């Protein structure tokens, strides 16, 4: 369901979904920029993108898609890998950062549910449970989506950092068409099983730490 439809039918559910989704996407992008900065590339910092201010990150088309179809994006944080001494490590670490940030966010939400589950249930606590549930679900899904190795998703850049030059060239050639490939996969019903597979891996890893 698109968020616009959810807003008109259930404003509370809209807030519980839209706000965590917005900040989960922003945290994902900030993590890319922060790791790039720590590895020697100050581009994101210079452009003011190491900020949780939504106005620094919102993409008009991505936001519209989010409201209409529940599938959207923020402006990618710019990274100049020429400023990073080891380009392969840069590709792997910077691209992994957003995914790991989402997984950590999901873990913290699930940990909160675990800790608060011992308290007597009530209206306010039930609302906390709902928010934490949506935060965990959204962040696990975002991490799973970005693990798919289709350009420009992070999984493709992680793969580029590990792959041969020939594979890197192939992935770079695919990147201009990546958005259309993702839409085609979504239309053909291929995207959801891929997300489900990576979601299962992430949940299994979290379950090791938080059984």
Protein backbone atom coordinates (compact mmCIF):
# COMPACT_ATOMS: atom_id res chain seq x y z
CA UNK A 1 0.00 0.00 0.00
CA UNK A 2 1.33 3.47 -0.83
CA UNK A 3 1.87 5.79 2.13
CA UNK A 4 -0.52 8.36 0.66
CA UNK A 5 -3.36 5.83 0.79
CA UNK A 6 -2.33 4.81 4.30
CA UNK A 7 -2.36 8.47 5.37
CA UNK A 8 -5.99 8.87 4.34
CA UNK A 9 -7.14 5.54 5.78
CA UNK A 10 -5.13 5.35 9.03
CA UNK A 11 -3.09 8.45 10.02
CA UNK A 12 -1.59 6.77 13.11
CA UNK A 13 -0.36 3.78 11.11
CA UNK A 14 1.01 6.22 8.54
CA UNK A 15 3.09 7.99 11.22
CA UNK A 16 4.27 4.67 12.65
CA UNK A 17 5.50 3.58 9.21
CA UNK A 18 6.55 6.83 7.49
CA UNK A 19 8.71 8.32 10.25
CA UNK A 20 10.83 5.19 10.91
CA UNK A 21 11.09 4.58 7.16
CA UNK A 22 12.28 8.13 6.50
CA UNK A 23 14.95 8.06 9.19
CA UNK A 24 16.03 4.52 8.35
CA UNK A 25 16.78 5.63 4.78
CA UNK A 26 18.61 8.72 6.08
CA UNK A 27 20.69 6.71 8.57
CA UNK A 28 21.60 4.35 5.74
CA UNK A 29 22.94 7.23 3.63
CA UNK A 30 24.70 8.99 6.52
CA UNK A 31 26.51 5.74 7.37
CA UNK A 32 27.94 5.63 3.83
CA UNK A 33 29.21 9.17 4.12
CA UNK A 34 30.61 8.73 7.64
CA UNK A 35 32.64 5.64 6.74
CA UNK A 36 33.89 7.33 3.56
CA UNK A 37 34.96 10.32 5.68
CA UNK A 38 36.80 8.05 8.12
CA UNK A 39 38.56 6.40 5.17
CA UNK A 40 39.78 9.72 3.77
CA UNK A 41 36.97 11.11 1.59
CA UNK A 42 35.47 14.35 3.02
CA UNK A 43 33.01 14.89 0.14
CA UNK A 44 29.87 14.08 2.13
CA UNK A 45 31.03 16.21 5.07
CA UNK A 46 31.82 19.18 2.82
CA UNK A 47 28.32 18.96 1.31
CA UNK A 48 26.64 18.80 4.73
CA UNK A 49 25.39 15.25 4.21
CA UNK A 50 26.63 13.87 7.54
CA UNK A 51 23.40 15.12 9.09
CA UNK A 52 20.12 13.55 10.19
CA UNK A 53 18.22 16.57 8.87
CA UNK A 54 15.74 15.09 6.33
CA UNK A 55 15.96 18.21 4.14
CA UNK A 56 19.61 17.38 3.41
CA UNK A 57 18.69 13.98 2.01
CA UNK A 58 15.21 14.00 0.48
CA UNK A 59 14.96 13.27 -3.23
CA UNK A 60 11.75 14.69 -4.78
CA UNK A 61 11.08 11.72 -7.07
CA UNK A 62 12.14 9.15 -4.46
CA UNK A 63 9.86 10.77 -1.87
CA UNK A 64 6.92 10.84 -4.31
CA UNK A 65 7.47 7.16 -5.15
CA UNK A 66 7.57 6.41 -1.44
CA UNK A 67 4.20 8.04 -0.83
CA UNK A 68 2.53 6.58 -3.91
CA UNK A 69 3.95 3.05 -3.94
CA UNK A 70 5.70 2.54 -0.60
CA UNK A 71 9.01 2.16 -2.47
CA UNK A 72 11.37 5.12 -2.61
CA UNK A 73 14.84 6.45 -1.93
CA UNK A 74 16.87 9.39 -0.65
CA UNK A 75 19.59 11.26 -2.50
CA UNK A 76 22.68 9.03 -2.51
CA UNK A 77 25.51 10.43 -0.42
CA UNK A 78 28.33 11.38 -2.82
CA UNK A 79 31.55 9.44 -2.35
CA UNK A 80 34.79 10.08 -4.24
CA UNK A 81 36.66 6.79 -4.10
CA UNK A 82 39.73 8.50 -5.56
CA UNK A 83 40.23 10.01 -2.10
CA UNK A 84 40.38 6.55 -0.51
CA UNK A 85 43.82 4.93 -0.68
CA UNK A 86 42.55 1.37 -1.10
CA UNK A 87 39.69 1.54 -3.60
CA UNK A 88 38.64 -2.09 -3.14
CA UNK A 89 38.38 -1.74 0.63
CA UNK A 90 36.61 1.56 0.13
CA UNK A 91 33.96 -0.01 -2.08
CA UNK A 92 33.39 -2.85 0.39
CA UNK A 93 33.41 -0.85 3.64
CA UNK A 94 31.54 2.23 2.43
CA UNK A 95 28.88 0.17 0.64
CA UNK A 96 28.49 -2.19 3.62
CA UNK A 97 28.09 0.71 6.05
CA UNK A 98 24.49 1.54 5.15
CA UNK A 99 23.45 -2.12 5.32
CA UNK A 100 25.17 -2.62 8.69
CA UNK A 101 23.58 0.57 10.04
CA UNK A 102 20.12 -0.75 9.13
CA UNK A 103 20.87 -4.14 10.69
CA UNK A 104 22.10 -2.45 13.89
CA UNK A 105 18.98 -0.24 13.97
CA UNK A 106 16.79 -3.35 13.58
CA UNK A 107 18.73 -5.17 16.30
CA UNK A 108 18.26 -2.29 18.75
CA UNK A 109 14.52 -2.20 18.01
CA UNK A 110 14.20 -5.95 18.62
CA UNK A 111 16.28 -5.62 21.79
CA UNK A 112 13.88 -2.93 23.04
CA UNK A 113 10.94 -5.25 22.38
CA UNK A 114 12.72 -7.99 24.34
CA UNK A 115 13.52 -5.70 27.28
CA UNK A 116 10.06 -4.10 27.46
CA UNK A 117 8.23 -7.42 27.07
CA UNK A 118 8.68 -8.08 30.81
CA UNK A 119 6.70 -4.94 31.71
CA UNK A 120 2.91 -4.87 32.15
CA UNK A 121 1.23 -4.14 28.83
CA UNK A 122 -0.64 -0.89 28.36
CA UNK A 123 -1.57 1.76 25.81
CA UNK A 124 1.76 3.61 25.77
CA UNK A 125 3.81 0.41 25.91
CA UNK A 126 1.80 -1.15 23.09
CA UNK A 127 2.59 1.92 20.99
CA UNK A 128 6.30 1.49 21.76
CA UNK A 129 6.04 -2.15 20.69
CA UNK A 130 4.41 -1.12 17.40
CA UNK A 131 7.06 1.51 16.66
CA UNK A 132 9.89 -0.94 17.45
CA UNK A 133 8.22 -3.60 15.31
CA UNK A 134 8.01 -1.27 12.31
CA UNK A 135 11.59 -0.03 12.86
CA UNK A 136 12.88 -3.61 12.87
CA UNK A 137 10.81 -4.68 9.86
CA UNK A 138 11.71 -1.62 7.78
CA UNK A 139 15.43 -1.78 8.54
CA UNK A 140 15.71 -5.51 7.89
CA UNK A 141 13.91 -5.03 4.58
CA UNK A 142 16.12 -2.07 3.59
CA UNK A 143 19.26 -4.05 4.43
CA UNK A 144 17.97 -7.08 2.51
CA UNK A 145 17.07 -4.97 -0.53
CA UNK A 146 20.49 -3.34 -0.62
CA UNK A 147 22.29 -6.68 -0.40
CA UNK A 148 20.94 -7.62 -3.84
CA UNK A 149 23.90 -7.27 -6.25
CA UNK A 150 22.11 -5.16 -8.86
CA UNK A 151 23.57 -1.70 -9.58
CA UNK A 152 23.18 0.81 -8.02
CA UNK A 153 22.26 -1.18 -4.88
CA UNK A 154 25.02 -1.58 -2.31
CA UNK A 155 25.36 -5.30 -2.93
CA UNK A 156 26.71 -4.60 -6.42
CA UNK A 157 29.41 -2.29 -5.04
CA UNK A 158 30.40 -4.81 -2.38
CA UNK A 159 30.70 -7.35 -5.18
CA UNK A 160 32.75 -4.88 -7.24
CA UNK A 161 35.19 -4.55 -4.35
CA UNK A 162 35.72 -8.31 -4.33
CA UNK A 163 35.46 -9.12 -8.04
CA UNK A 164 37.82 -9.09 -11.00
CA UNK A 165 38.21 -6.03 -13.21
CA UNK A 166 36.04 -7.68 -15.87
CA UNK A 167 33.15 -8.10 -13.42
CA UNK A 168 33.66 -4.56 -12.16
CA UNK A 169 33.41 -3.28 -15.72
CA UNK A 170 30.25 -5.31 -16.37
CA UNK A 171 28.56 -4.00 -13.21
CA UNK A 172 29.54 -0.42 -14.00
CA UNK A 173 28.04 -0.79 -17.48
CA UNK A 174 24.79 -2.08 -15.96
CA UNK A 175 24.46 0.78 -13.47
CA UNK A 176 22.64 3.26 -15.77
CA UNK A 177 19.95 0.60 -16.30
CA UNK A 178 19.84 -0.64 -12.71
CA UNK A 179 16.67 1.18 -11.76
CA UNK A 180 14.80 -0.33 -14.73
CA UNK A 181 16.15 -3.80 -13.88
CA UNK A 182 14.85 -3.42 -10.31
CA UNK A 183 11.42 -2.27 -11.56
CA UNK A 184 11.34 -5.21 -14.01
CA UNK A 185 12.25 -7.65 -11.21
CA UNK A 186 9.49 -6.13 -9.07
CA UNK A 187 6.96 -6.45 -11.91
CA UNK A 188 8.00 -10.06 -12.67
CA UNK A 189 7.80 -11.08 -9.00
CA UNK A 190 11.54 -11.79 -8.76
CA UNK A 191 12.46 -8.98 -6.37
CA UNK A 192 10.39 -10.11 -3.39
CA UNK A 193 11.90 -13.64 -3.23
CA UNK A 194 15.39 -12.11 -3.39
CA UNK A 195 14.55 -9.71 -0.57
CA UNK A 196 13.04 -12.62 1.36
CA UNK A 197 16.22 -14.66 0.98
CA UNK A 198 18.48 -11.89 2.28
CA UNK A 199 15.95 -11.03 4.99
CA UNK A 200 16.15 -14.66 6.17
CA UNK A 201 19.96 -14.42 6.35
CA UNK A 202 19.78 -11.17 8.36
CA UNK A 203 17.15 -12.49 10.78
CA UNK A 204 19.19 -15.67 11.26
CA UNK A 205 22.28 -13.61 12.14
CA UNK A 206 20.34 -11.42 14.57
CA UNK A 207 18.84 -14.54 16.14
CA UNK A 208 22.33 -15.79 17.01
CA UNK A 209 22.92 -12.70 19.17
CA UNK A 210 19.32 -12.25 20.28
CA UNK A 211 17.80 -15.76 20.42
